[in-house]
Each structure stands twice: as C-alpha cells, then as structure tokens.
C-alpha cells in the first residue's frame, strides 16, 4: 500500500509540474523515480497540442488514432 501511495503522490507532482510548465523539474522527477505519468501516446498528444501548439501535427496524431494505428 505504501508503494502505491508514493507512486500516486509522484504522479500528482508530475502532473502539477507539467501544468506549471516546469518541464526541467518534470523530466528530472520522472527520470529519478522511473514513473510514467500516462501512456506515451497521450504524452505525445500533450506535447504536440499543448506545448507546441502544432494543430497540423495534432490532427495527424488523432488521425492515426482513428485509423487504429494508435490506441488511447
């Protein structure tokens, strides 16, 4: 149970750091604790849409998902 709580706390911290735009701290914590915040494909979507604002690439990511090449 203790391990679960620690992982949950770290995931919440990661989420908060990413929302604040503290990406260096986000990456450092993620690497140190070896914890994924979410599925890598959702991370890709977040990076493309939120961080880069690349709407064309966002459409490509979503099209791949609709074609069944990426499962969310």
Protein backbone atom coordinates (compact mmCIF):
# COMPACT_ATOMS: atom_id res chain seq x y z
CA UNK A 1 0.00 0.00 0.00
CA UNK A 2 2.86 2.38 0.83
CA UNK A 3 4.40 1.89 -2.62
CA UNK A 4 1.06 2.70 -4.27
CA UNK A 5 0.70 5.92 -2.29
CA UNK A 6 4.22 7.02 -3.17
CA UNK A 7 3.65 6.37 -6.88
CA UNK A 8 0.34 8.23 -6.74
CA UNK A 9 1.98 11.21 -4.99
CA UNK A 10 4.78 11.31 -7.56
CA UNK A 11 2.28 11.12 -10.45
CA UNK A 12 0.30 14.02 -8.98
CA UNK A 13 3.51 16.04 -8.59
CA UNK A 14 4.47 15.27 -12.19
CA UNK A 15 1.05 16.38 -13.40
CA UNK A 16 1.30 19.62 -11.43
CA UNK A 17 4.84 20.38 -12.63
CA UNK A 18 3.82 19.84 -16.25
CA UNK A 19 0.77 22.10 -15.86
CA UNK A 20 3.00 24.82 -14.39
CA UNK A 21 5.43 24.49 -17.28
CA UNK A 22 8.29 23.37 -15.02
CA UNK A 23 9.46 20.88 -17.62
CA UNK A 24 13.05 20.53 -16.35
CA UNK A 25 11.76 19.56 -12.89
CA UNK A 26 9.13 17.34 -14.51
CA UNK A 27 11.72 15.44 -16.54
CA UNK A 28 14.14 15.16 -13.61
CA UNK A 29 11.49 13.72 -11.27
CA UNK A 30 10.15 11.39 -13.93
CA UNK A 31 13.64 10.06 -14.63
CA UNK A 32 14.66 9.76 -10.96
CA UNK A 33 11.51 7.88 -9.92
CA UNK A 34 11.17 5.97 -13.22
CA UNK A 35 7.44 6.64 -13.31
CA UNK A 36 5.33 7.32 -16.37
CA UNK A 37 2.64 9.91 -15.93
CA UNK A 38 0.49 8.38 -18.64
CA UNK A 39 0.61 6.33 -21.80
CA UNK A 40 3.41 7.65 -24.08
CA UNK A 41 0.89 8.31 -26.84
CA UNK A 42 -1.05 10.68 -24.59
CA UNK A 43 2.21 12.37 -23.70
CA UNK A 44 2.89 12.82 -27.41
CA UNK A 45 -0.56 14.37 -27.89
CA UNK A 46 0.03 16.73 -24.95
CA UNK A 47 3.44 17.77 -26.29
CA UNK A 48 2.16 18.40 -29.80
CA UNK A 49 -1.04 20.20 -28.84
CA UNK A 50 -0.37 21.95 -25.53
CA UNK A 51 3.36 22.60 -25.55
CA UNK A 52 3.94 23.23 -29.25
CA UNK A 53 0.51 24.32 -30.37
CA UNK A 54 1.03 22.38 -33.61
CA UNK A 55 -2.51 21.82 -34.79
CA UNK A 56 -1.49 20.14 -38.04
CA UNK A 57 0.57 17.52 -36.18
CA UNK A 58 -2.23 17.16 -33.62
CA UNK A 59 -4.59 16.23 -36.45
CA UNK A 60 -2.08 13.63 -37.66
CA UNK A 61 -1.82 12.10 -34.19
CA UNK A 62 -5.62 11.93 -33.93
CA UNK A 63 -5.97 10.52 -37.46
CA UNK A 64 -3.50 7.75 -36.58
CA UNK A 65 -5.62 7.03 -33.51
CA UNK A 66 -8.81 6.86 -35.57
CA UNK A 67 -7.13 4.57 -38.11
CA UNK A 68 -6.39 2.16 -35.31
CA UNK A 69 -2.63 2.66 -35.52
CA UNK A 70 -2.60 4.26 -32.09
CA UNK A 71 -4.80 3.15 -29.25
CA UNK A 72 -5.55 5.60 -26.46
